[in-house]
mmCIF file of all heavy atoms, coordinates in Angstrom:
data_MODEL
# 
_entry.id   MODEL 
# 
loop_
_atom_site.group_PDB 
_atom_site.id 
_atom_site.type_symbol 
_atom_site.label_atom_id 
_atom_site.label_alt_id 
_atom_site.label_comp_id 
_atom_site.label_asym_id 
_atom_site.label_entity_id 
_atom_site.label_seq_id 
_atom_site.pdbx_PDB_ins_code 
_atom_site.Cartn_x 
_atom_site.Cartn_y 
_atom_site.Cartn_z 
_atom_site.occupancy 
_atom_site.B_iso_or_equiv 
_atom_site.pdbx_formal_charge 
_atom_site.auth_seq_id 
_atom_site.auth_comp_id 
_atom_site.auth_asym_id 
_atom_site.auth_atom_id 
_atom_site.pdbx_PDB_model_num 
ATOM 1   N N   . ASN A 1 1  ? -2.263  16.114 -13.074 1.00 0.00 ? 1  ASN A N   1 
ATOM 2   C CA  . ASN A 1 1  ? -3.513  15.394 -13.227 1.00 0.00 ? 1  ASN A CA  1 
ATOM 3   C C   . ASN A 1 1  ? -3.347  13.998 -12.593 1.00 0.00 ? 1  ASN A C   1 
ATOM 4   O O   . ASN A 1 1  ? -4.346  13.542 -11.928 1.00 0.00 ? 1  ASN A O   1 
ATOM 5   C CB  . ASN A 1 1  ? -3.953  15.290 -14.658 1.00 0.00 ? 1  ASN A CB  1 
ATOM 6   C CG  . ASN A 1 1  ? -4.449  16.588 -15.239 1.00 0.00 ? 1  ASN A CG  1 
ATOM 7   O OD1 . ASN A 1 1  ? -5.013  17.457 -14.459 1.00 0.00 ? 1  ASN A OD1 1 
ATOM 8   N ND2 . ASN A 1 1  ? -4.321  16.873 -16.546 1.00 0.00 ? 1  ASN A ND2 1 
ATOM 9   N N   . LEU A 1 2  ? -2.290  13.314 -12.844 1.00 0.00 ? 2  LEU A N   1 
ATOM 10  C CA  . LEU A 1 2  ? -2.141  11.994 -12.363 1.00 0.00 ? 2  LEU A CA  1 
ATOM 11  C C   . LEU A 1 2  ? -2.099  12.037 -10.806 1.00 0.00 ? 2  LEU A C   1 
ATOM 12  O O   . LEU A 1 2  ? -2.696  11.169 -10.133 1.00 0.00 ? 2  LEU A O   1 
ATOM 13  C CB  . LEU A 1 2  ? -0.771  11.354 -12.876 1.00 0.00 ? 2  LEU A CB  1 
ATOM 14  C CG  . LEU A 1 2  ? -0.868  10.978 -14.283 1.00 0.00 ? 2  LEU A CG  1 
ATOM 15  C CD1 . LEU A 1 2  ? 0.555   10.541 -14.657 1.00 0.00 ? 2  LEU A CD1 1 
ATOM 16  C CD2 . LEU A 1 2  ? -1.833  9.894  -14.571 1.00 0.00 ? 2  LEU A CD2 1 
ATOM 17  N N   . LEU A 1 3  ? -1.373  13.007 -10.172 1.00 0.00 ? 3  LEU A N   1 
ATOM 18  C CA  . LEU A 1 3  ? -1.360  13.085 -8.736  1.00 0.00 ? 3  LEU A CA  1 
ATOM 19  C C   . LEU A 1 3  ? -2.661  13.489 -8.154  1.00 0.00 ? 3  LEU A C   1 
ATOM 20  O O   . LEU A 1 3  ? -3.099  12.929 -7.158  1.00 0.00 ? 3  LEU A O   1 
ATOM 21  C CB  . LEU A 1 3  ? -0.364  14.312 -8.396  1.00 0.00 ? 3  LEU A CB  1 
ATOM 22  C CG  . LEU A 1 3  ? 1.125   13.932 -8.550  1.00 0.00 ? 3  LEU A CG  1 
ATOM 23  C CD1 . LEU A 1 3  ? 1.935   15.256 -8.292  1.00 0.00 ? 3  LEU A CD1 1 
ATOM 24  C CD2 . LEU A 1 3  ? 1.533   12.835 -7.715  1.00 0.00 ? 3  LEU A CD2 1 
ATOM 25  N N   . LEU A 1 4  ? -3.416  14.366 -8.835  1.00 0.00 ? 4  LEU A N   1 
ATOM 26  C CA  . LEU A 1 4  ? -4.789  14.674 -8.288  1.00 0.00 ? 4  LEU A CA  1 
ATOM 27  C C   . LEU A 1 4  ? -5.702  13.522 -8.345  1.00 0.00 ? 4  LEU A C   1 
ATOM 28  O O   . LEU A 1 4  ? -6.532  13.201 -7.429  1.00 0.00 ? 4  LEU A O   1 
ATOM 29  C CB  . LEU A 1 4  ? -5.324  15.864 -9.138  1.00 0.00 ? 4  LEU A CB  1 
ATOM 30  C CG  . LEU A 1 4  ? -4.683  17.297 -8.878  1.00 0.00 ? 4  LEU A CG  1 
ATOM 31  C CD1 . LEU A 1 4  ? -5.294  18.297 -9.863  1.00 0.00 ? 4  LEU A CD1 1 
ATOM 32  C CD2 . LEU A 1 4  ? -4.898  17.665 -7.464  1.00 0.00 ? 4  LEU A CD2 1 
ATOM 33  N N   . ASP A 1 5  ? -5.574  12.797 -9.496  1.00 0.00 ? 5  ASP A N   1 
ATOM 34  C CA  . ASP A 1 5  ? -6.459  11.482 -9.618  1.00 0.00 ? 5  ASP A CA  1 
ATOM 35  C C   . ASP A 1 5  ? -6.047  10.503 -8.530  1.00 0.00 ? 5  ASP A C   1 
ATOM 36  O O   . ASP A 1 5  ? -6.955  9.867  -7.977  1.00 0.00 ? 5  ASP A O   1 
ATOM 37  C CB  . ASP A 1 5  ? -6.183  10.927 -11.045 1.00 0.00 ? 5  ASP A CB  1 
ATOM 38  C CG  . ASP A 1 5  ? -6.843  11.686 -12.114 1.00 0.00 ? 5  ASP A CG  1 
ATOM 39  O OD1 . ASP A 1 5  ? -7.802  12.555 -11.782 1.00 0.00 ? 5  ASP A OD1 1 
ATOM 40  O OD2 . ASP A 1 5  ? -6.499  11.536 -13.270 1.00 0.00 ? 5  ASP A OD2 1 
ATOM 41  N N   . ALA A 1 6  ? -4.813  10.410 -8.295  1.00 0.00 ? 6  ALA A N   1 
ATOM 42  C CA  . ALA A 1 6  ? -4.285  9.438  -7.287  1.00 0.00 ? 6  ALA A CA  1 
ATOM 43  C C   . ALA A 1 6  ? -4.850  9.762  -5.898  1.00 0.00 ? 6  ALA A C   1 
ATOM 44  O O   . ALA A 1 6  ? -5.340  8.956  -5.061  1.00 0.00 ? 6  ALA A O   1 
ATOM 45  C CB  . ALA A 1 6  ? -2.769  9.347  -7.273  1.00 0.00 ? 6  ALA A CB  1 
ATOM 46  N N   . ILE A 1 7  ? -4.751  11.078 -5.588  1.00 0.00 ? 7  ILE A N   1 
ATOM 47  C CA  . ILE A 1 7  ? -5.203  11.623 -4.259  1.00 0.00 ? 7  ILE A CA  1 
ATOM 48  C C   . ILE A 1 7  ? -6.627  11.391 -4.046  1.00 0.00 ? 7  ILE A C   1 
ATOM 49  O O   . ILE A 1 7  ? -7.141  10.907 -3.040  1.00 0.00 ? 7  ILE A O   1 
ATOM 50  C CB  . ILE A 1 7  ? -4.730  13.085 -4.082  1.00 0.00 ? 7  ILE A CB  1 
ATOM 51  C CG1 . ILE A 1 7  ? -3.213  13.193 -3.968  1.00 0.00 ? 7  ILE A CG1 1 
ATOM 52  C CG2 . ILE A 1 7  ? -5.353  13.657 -2.805  1.00 0.00 ? 7  ILE A CG2 1 
ATOM 53  C CD1 . ILE A 1 7  ? -2.691  14.644 -4.052  1.00 0.00 ? 7  ILE A CD1 1 
ATOM 54  N N   . LEU A 1 8  ? -7.426  11.749 -5.131  1.00 0.00 ? 8  LEU A N   1 
ATOM 55  C CA  . LEU A 1 8  ? -8.920  11.728 -5.094  1.00 0.00 ? 8  LEU A CA  1 
ATOM 56  C C   . LEU A 1 8  ? -9.218  10.169 -4.989  1.00 0.00 ? 8  LEU A C   1 
ATOM 57  O O   . LEU A 1 8  ? -10.119 9.819  -4.167  1.00 0.00 ? 8  LEU A O   1 
ATOM 58  C CB  . LEU A 1 8  ? -9.518  12.273 -6.302  1.00 0.00 ? 8  LEU A CB  1 
ATOM 59  C CG  . LEU A 1 8  ? -11.033 12.279 -6.276  1.00 0.00 ? 8  LEU A CG  1 
ATOM 60  C CD1 . LEU A 1 8  ? -11.610 13.077 -5.227  1.00 0.00 ? 8  LEU A CD1 1 
ATOM 61  C CD2 . LEU A 1 8  ? -11.488 12.868 -7.659  1.00 0.00 ? 8  LEU A CD2 1 
ATOM 62  N N   . SER A 1 9  ? -8.646  9.315  -5.695  1.00 0.00 ? 9  SER A N   1 
ATOM 63  C CA  . SER A 1 9  ? -8.919  7.888  -5.609  1.00 0.00 ? 9  SER A CA  1 
ATOM 64  C C   . SER A 1 9  ? -8.654  7.371  -4.326  1.00 0.00 ? 9  SER A C   1 
ATOM 65  O O   . SER A 1 9  ? -9.374  6.474  -3.727  1.00 0.00 ? 9  SER A O   1 
ATOM 66  C CB  . SER A 1 9  ? -8.103  7.158  -6.754  1.00 0.00 ? 9  SER A CB  1 
ATOM 67  O OG  . SER A 1 9  ? -8.467  7.553  -8.097  1.00 0.00 ? 9  SER A OG  1 
ATOM 68  N N   . PHE A 1 10 ? -7.471  7.775  -3.686  1.00 0.00 ? 10 PHE A N   1 
ATOM 69  C CA  . PHE A 1 10 ? -7.125  7.335  -2.395  1.00 0.00 ? 10 PHE A CA  1 
ATOM 70  C C   . PHE A 1 10 ? -8.156  7.752  -1.322  1.00 0.00 ? 10 PHE A C   1 
ATOM 71  O O   . PHE A 1 10 ? -8.576  6.924  -0.439  1.00 0.00 ? 10 PHE A O   1 
ATOM 72  C CB  . PHE A 1 10 ? -5.739  7.805  -2.008  1.00 0.00 ? 10 PHE A CB  1 
ATOM 73  C CG  . PHE A 1 10 ? -5.338  7.448  -0.538  1.00 0.00 ? 10 PHE A CG  1 
ATOM 74  C CD1 . PHE A 1 10 ? -4.974  6.208  -0.157  1.00 0.00 ? 10 PHE A CD1 1 
ATOM 75  C CD2 . PHE A 1 10 ? -5.376  8.487  0.433   1.00 0.00 ? 10 PHE A CD2 1 
ATOM 76  C CE1 . PHE A 1 10 ? -4.674  6.040  1.215   1.00 0.00 ? 10 PHE A CE1 1 
ATOM 77  C CE2 . PHE A 1 10 ? -5.143  8.275  1.692   1.00 0.00 ? 10 PHE A CE2 1 
ATOM 78  C CZ  . PHE A 1 10 ? -4.676  7.030  2.055   1.00 0.00 ? 10 PHE A CZ  1 
ATOM 79  N N   . LEU A 1 11 ? -8.560  9.050  -1.391  1.00 0.00 ? 11 LEU A N   1 
ATOM 80  C CA  . LEU A 1 11 ? -9.614  9.464  -0.426  1.00 0.00 ? 11 LEU A CA  1 
ATOM 81  C C   . LEU A 1 11 ? -10.867 8.699  -0.556  1.00 0.00 ? 11 LEU A C   1 
ATOM 82  O O   . LEU A 1 11 ? -11.454 8.256  0.584   1.00 0.00 ? 11 LEU A O   1 
ATOM 83  C CB  . LEU A 1 11 ? -9.764  10.941 -0.639  1.00 0.00 ? 11 LEU A CB  1 
ATOM 84  C CG  . LEU A 1 11 ? -8.567  11.902 -0.305  1.00 0.00 ? 11 LEU A CG  1 
ATOM 85  C CD1 . LEU A 1 11 ? -8.952  13.309 -0.608  1.00 0.00 ? 11 LEU A CD1 1 
ATOM 86  C CD2 . LEU A 1 11 ? -8.233  11.767 1.200   1.00 0.00 ? 11 LEU A CD2 1 
ATOM 87  N N   . ILE A 1 12 ? -11.408 8.520  -1.735  1.00 0.00 ? 12 ILE A N   1 
ATOM 88  C CA  . ILE A 1 12 ? -12.623 7.816  -1.969  1.00 0.00 ? 12 ILE A CA  1 
ATOM 89  C C   . ILE A 1 12 ? -12.436 6.355  -1.477  1.00 0.00 ? 12 ILE A C   1 
ATOM 90  O O   . ILE A 1 12 ? -13.368 5.798  -0.786  1.00 0.00 ? 12 ILE A O   1 
ATOM 91  C CB  . ILE A 1 12 ? -13.043 7.836  -3.477  1.00 0.00 ? 12 ILE A CB  1 
ATOM 92  C CG1 . ILE A 1 12 ? -13.368 9.339  -3.804  1.00 0.00 ? 12 ILE A CG1 1 
ATOM 93  C CG2 . ILE A 1 12 ? -14.266 6.934  -3.732  1.00 0.00 ? 12 ILE A CG2 1 
ATOM 94  C CD1 . ILE A 1 12 ? -13.733 9.528  -5.289  1.00 0.00 ? 12 ILE A CD1 1 
ATOM 95  N N   . PHE A 1 13 ? -11.454 5.653  -1.871  1.00 0.00 ? 13 PHE A N   1 
ATOM 96  C CA  . PHE A 1 13 ? -11.247 4.340  -1.466  1.00 0.00 ? 13 PHE A CA  1 
ATOM 97  C C   . PHE A 1 13 ? -11.073 4.224  0.071   1.00 0.00 ? 13 PHE A C   1 
ATOM 98  O O   . PHE A 1 13 ? -11.632 3.243  0.602   1.00 0.00 ? 13 PHE A O   1 
ATOM 99  C CB  . PHE A 1 13 ? -9.977  3.834  -2.139  1.00 0.00 ? 13 PHE A CB  1 
ATOM 100 C CG  . PHE A 1 13 ? -9.823  2.291  -2.104  1.00 0.00 ? 13 PHE A CG  1 
ATOM 101 C CD1 . PHE A 1 13 ? -10.624 1.506  -2.919  1.00 0.00 ? 13 PHE A CD1 1 
ATOM 102 C CD2 . PHE A 1 13 ? -8.873  1.695  -1.301  1.00 0.00 ? 13 PHE A CD2 1 
ATOM 103 C CE1 . PHE A 1 13 ? -10.533 0.177  -2.802  1.00 0.00 ? 13 PHE A CE1 1 
ATOM 104 C CE2 . PHE A 1 13 ? -8.836  0.304  -1.255  1.00 0.00 ? 13 PHE A CE2 1 
ATOM 105 C CZ  . PHE A 1 13 ? -9.603  -0.504 -1.962  1.00 0.00 ? 13 PHE A CZ  1 
ATOM 106 N N   . SER A 1 14 ? -10.341 5.140  0.766   1.00 0.00 ? 14 SER A N   1 
ATOM 107 C CA  . SER A 1 14 ? -10.240 5.127  2.100   1.00 0.00 ? 14 SER A CA  1 
ATOM 108 C C   . SER A 1 14 ? -11.619 5.236  2.869   1.00 0.00 ? 14 SER A C   1 
ATOM 109 O O   . SER A 1 14 ? -11.897 4.512  3.806   1.00 0.00 ? 14 SER A O   1 
ATOM 110 C CB  . SER A 1 14 ? -9.373  6.225  2.624   1.00 0.00 ? 14 SER A CB  1 
ATOM 111 O OG  . SER A 1 14 ? -7.989  6.073  2.135   1.00 0.00 ? 14 SER A OG  1 
ATOM 112 N N   . VAL A 1 15 ? -12.440 6.104  2.319   1.00 0.00 ? 15 VAL A N   1 
ATOM 113 C CA  . VAL A 1 15 ? -13.849 6.256  2.854   1.00 0.00 ? 15 VAL A CA  1 
ATOM 114 C C   . VAL A 1 15 ? -14.610 4.942  2.761   1.00 0.00 ? 15 VAL A C   1 
ATOM 115 O O   . VAL A 1 15 ? -15.289 4.556  3.603   1.00 0.00 ? 15 VAL A O   1 
ATOM 116 C CB  . VAL A 1 15 ? -14.578 7.359  2.144   1.00 0.00 ? 15 VAL A CB  1 
ATOM 117 C CG1 . VAL A 1 15 ? -16.080 7.447  2.667   1.00 0.00 ? 15 VAL A CG1 1 
ATOM 118 C CG2 . VAL A 1 15 ? -13.876 8.761  2.554   1.00 0.00 ? 15 VAL A CG2 1 
ATOM 119 N N   . VAL A 1 16 ? -14.496 4.270  1.548   1.00 0.00 ? 16 VAL A N   1 
ATOM 120 C CA  . VAL A 1 16 ? -15.203 3.084  1.329   1.00 0.00 ? 16 VAL A CA  1 
ATOM 121 C C   . VAL A 1 16 ? -14.722 1.920  2.293   1.00 0.00 ? 16 VAL A C   1 
ATOM 122 O O   . VAL A 1 16 ? -15.451 1.289  2.885   1.00 0.00 ? 16 VAL A O   1 
ATOM 123 C CB  . VAL A 1 16 ? -15.048 2.579  -0.183  1.00 0.00 ? 16 VAL A CB  1 
ATOM 124 C CG1 . VAL A 1 16 ? -15.638 1.154  -0.312  1.00 0.00 ? 16 VAL A CG1 1 
ATOM 125 C CG2 . VAL A 1 16 ? -15.746 3.577  -1.080  1.00 0.00 ? 16 VAL A CG2 1 
ATOM 126 N N   . VAL A 1 17 ? -13.399 1.830  2.427   1.00 0.00 ? 17 VAL A N   1 
ATOM 127 C CA  . VAL A 1 17 ? -12.786 0.912  3.307   1.00 0.00 ? 17 VAL A CA  1 
ATOM 128 C C   . VAL A 1 17 ? -13.207 1.112  4.761   1.00 0.00 ? 17 VAL A C   1 
ATOM 129 O O   . VAL A 1 17 ? -13.649 0.048  5.386   1.00 0.00 ? 17 VAL A O   1 
ATOM 130 C CB  . VAL A 1 17 ? -11.271 0.878  3.164   1.00 0.00 ? 17 VAL A CB  1 
ATOM 131 C CG1 . VAL A 1 17 ? -10.630 -0.014 4.252   1.00 0.00 ? 17 VAL A CG1 1 
ATOM 132 C CG2 . VAL A 1 17 ? -10.844 0.403  1.838   1.00 0.00 ? 17 VAL A CG2 1 
ATOM 133 N N   . VAL A 1 18 ? -13.079 2.318  5.205   1.00 0.00 ? 18 VAL A N   1 
ATOM 134 C CA  . VAL A 1 18 ? -13.489 2.651  6.545   1.00 0.00 ? 18 VAL A CA  1 
ATOM 135 C C   . VAL A 1 18 ? -14.981 2.334  6.835   1.00 0.00 ? 18 VAL A C   1 
ATOM 136 O O   . VAL A 1 18 ? -15.392 1.768  7.869   1.00 0.00 ? 18 VAL A O   1 
ATOM 137 C CB  . VAL A 1 18 ? -13.186 4.064  6.859   1.00 0.00 ? 18 VAL A CB  1 
ATOM 138 C CG1 . VAL A 1 18 ? -13.806 4.539  8.262   1.00 0.00 ? 18 VAL A CG1 1 
ATOM 139 C CG2 . VAL A 1 18 ? -11.689 4.402  6.919   1.00 0.00 ? 18 VAL A CG2 1 
ATOM 140 N N   . THR A 1 19 ? -15.781 2.695  5.847   1.00 0.00 ? 19 THR A N   1 
ATOM 141 C CA  . THR A 1 19 ? -17.247 2.363  6.041   1.00 0.00 ? 19 THR A CA  1 
ATOM 142 C C   . THR A 1 19 ? -17.520 0.933  6.086   1.00 0.00 ? 19 THR A C   1 
ATOM 143 O O   . THR A 1 19 ? -18.271 0.449  7.058   1.00 0.00 ? 19 THR A O   1 
ATOM 144 C CB  . THR A 1 19 ? -18.018 3.066  4.795   1.00 0.00 ? 19 THR A CB  1 
ATOM 145 O OG1 . THR A 1 19 ? -17.825 4.390  4.705   1.00 0.00 ? 19 THR A OG1 1 
ATOM 146 C CG2 . THR A 1 19 ? -19.506 2.803  4.929   1.00 0.00 ? 19 THR A CG2 1 
ATOM 147 N N   . ILE A 1 20 ? -16.956 0.136  5.193   1.00 0.00 ? 20 ILE A N   1 
ATOM 148 C CA  . ILE A 1 20 ? -17.190 -1.369 5.246   1.00 0.00 ? 20 ILE A CA  1 
ATOM 149 C C   . ILE A 1 20 ? -16.627 -1.951 6.559   1.00 0.00 ? 20 ILE A C   1 
ATOM 150 O O   . ILE A 1 20 ? -17.371 -2.756 7.157   1.00 0.00 ? 20 ILE A O   1 
ATOM 151 C CB  . ILE A 1 20 ? -16.411 -1.971 4.007   1.00 0.00 ? 20 ILE A CB  1 
ATOM 152 C CG1 . ILE A 1 20 ? -17.171 -1.542 2.741   1.00 0.00 ? 20 ILE A CG1 1 
ATOM 153 C CG2 . ILE A 1 20 ? -16.407 -3.470 4.139   1.00 0.00 ? 20 ILE A CG2 1 
ATOM 154 C CD1 . ILE A 1 20 ? -16.435 -2.085 1.479   1.00 0.00 ? 20 ILE A CD1 1 
ATOM 155 N N   . VAL A 1 21 ? -15.486 -1.528 6.969   1.00 0.00 ? 21 VAL A N   1 
ATOM 156 C CA  . VAL A 1 21 ? -14.938 -2.140 8.189   1.00 0.00 ? 21 VAL A CA  1 
ATOM 157 C C   . VAL A 1 21 ? -15.712 -1.807 9.438   1.00 0.00 ? 21 VAL A C   1 
ATOM 158 O O   . VAL A 1 21 ? -16.105 -2.663 10.276  1.00 0.00 ? 21 VAL A O   1 
ATOM 159 C CB  . VAL A 1 21 ? -13.418 -1.680 8.412   1.00 0.00 ? 21 VAL A CB  1 
ATOM 160 C CG1 . VAL A 1 21 ? -12.863 -2.269 9.669   1.00 0.00 ? 21 VAL A CG1 1 
ATOM 161 C CG2 . VAL A 1 21 ? -12.608 -2.294 7.179   1.00 0.00 ? 21 VAL A CG2 1 
ATOM 162 N N   . PHE A 1 22 ? -16.116 -0.492 9.495   1.00 0.00 ? 22 PHE A N   1 
ATOM 163 C CA  . PHE A 1 22 ? -16.912 -0.077 10.711  1.00 0.00 ? 22 PHE A CA  1 
ATOM 164 C C   . PHE A 1 22 ? -18.251 -0.794 10.729  1.00 0.00 ? 22 PHE A C   1 
ATOM 165 O O   . PHE A 1 22 ? -18.745 -1.185 11.780  1.00 0.00 ? 22 PHE A O   1 
ATOM 166 C CB  . PHE A 1 22 ? -17.077 1.454  10.668  1.00 0.00 ? 22 PHE A CB  1 
ATOM 167 C CG  . PHE A 1 22 ? -16.043 2.182  11.499  1.00 0.00 ? 22 PHE A CG  1 
ATOM 168 C CD1 . PHE A 1 22 ? -15.289 3.189  10.916  1.00 0.00 ? 22 PHE A CD1 1 
ATOM 169 C CD2 . PHE A 1 22 ? -15.864 1.900  12.823  1.00 0.00 ? 22 PHE A CD2 1 
ATOM 170 C CE1 . PHE A 1 22 ? -14.317 3.799  11.646  1.00 0.00 ? 22 PHE A CE1 1 
ATOM 171 C CE2 . PHE A 1 22 ? -14.906 2.461  13.512  1.00 0.00 ? 22 PHE A CE2 1 
ATOM 172 C CZ  . PHE A 1 22 ? -14.084 3.476  12.973  1.00 0.00 ? 22 PHE A CZ  1 
ATOM 173 N N   . LEU A 1 23 ? -18.869 -0.896 9.590   1.00 0.00 ? 23 LEU A N   1 
ATOM 174 C CA  . LEU A 1 23 ? -20.134 -1.583 9.545   1.00 0.00 ? 23 LEU A CA  1 
ATOM 175 C C   . LEU A 1 23 ? -19.966 -3.051 9.935   1.00 0.00 ? 23 LEU A C   1 
ATOM 176 O O   . LEU A 1 23 ? -20.782 -3.666 10.550  1.00 0.00 ? 23 LEU A O   1 
ATOM 177 C CB  . LEU A 1 23 ? -20.839 -1.526 8.097   1.00 0.00 ? 23 LEU A CB  1 
ATOM 178 C CG  . LEU A 1 23 ? -21.438 -0.208 7.761   1.00 0.00 ? 23 LEU A CG  1 
ATOM 179 C CD1 . LEU A 1 23 ? -21.932 -0.212 6.260   1.00 0.00 ? 23 LEU A CD1 1 
ATOM 180 C CD2 . LEU A 1 23 ? -22.576 0.099  8.691   1.00 0.00 ? 23 LEU A CD2 1 
ATOM 181 N N   . GLY A 1 24 ? -18.910 -3.691 9.417   1.00 0.00 ? 24 GLY A N   1 
ATOM 182 C CA  . GLY A 1 24 ? -18.575 -4.999 9.820   1.00 0.00 ? 24 GLY A CA  1 
ATOM 183 C C   . GLY A 1 24 ? -18.334 -5.234 11.288  1.00 0.00 ? 24 GLY A C   1 
ATOM 184 O O   . GLY A 1 24 ? -18.860 -6.186 11.906  1.00 0.00 ? 24 GLY A O   1 
ATOM 185 N N   . LEU A 1 25 ? -17.711 -4.353 11.871  1.00 0.00 ? 25 LEU A N   1 
ATOM 186 C CA  . LEU A 1 25 ? -17.354 -4.403 13.302  1.00 0.00 ? 25 LEU A CA  1 
ATOM 187 C C   . LEU A 1 25 ? -18.627 -4.084 14.147  1.00 0.00 ? 25 LEU A C   1 
ATOM 188 O O   . LEU A 1 25 ? -18.907 -4.750 15.171  1.00 0.00 ? 25 LEU A O   1 
ATOM 189 C CB  . LEU A 1 25 ? -16.369 -3.385 13.704  1.00 0.00 ? 25 LEU A CB  1 
ATOM 190 C CG  . LEU A 1 25 ? -14.905 -3.674 13.092  1.00 0.00 ? 25 LEU A CG  1 
ATOM 191 C CD1 . LEU A 1 25 ? -13.939 -2.454 13.498  1.00 0.00 ? 25 LEU A CD1 1 
ATOM 192 C CD2 . LEU A 1 25 ? -14.345 -5.003 13.741  1.00 0.00 ? 25 LEU A CD2 1 
# 
């Protein structure tokens, strides 16, 4: 469960980061 939560959190966070950076650029 911890691994799945970590993987899911990383994917969601990566999408948010990529979205923010691309919009900023």
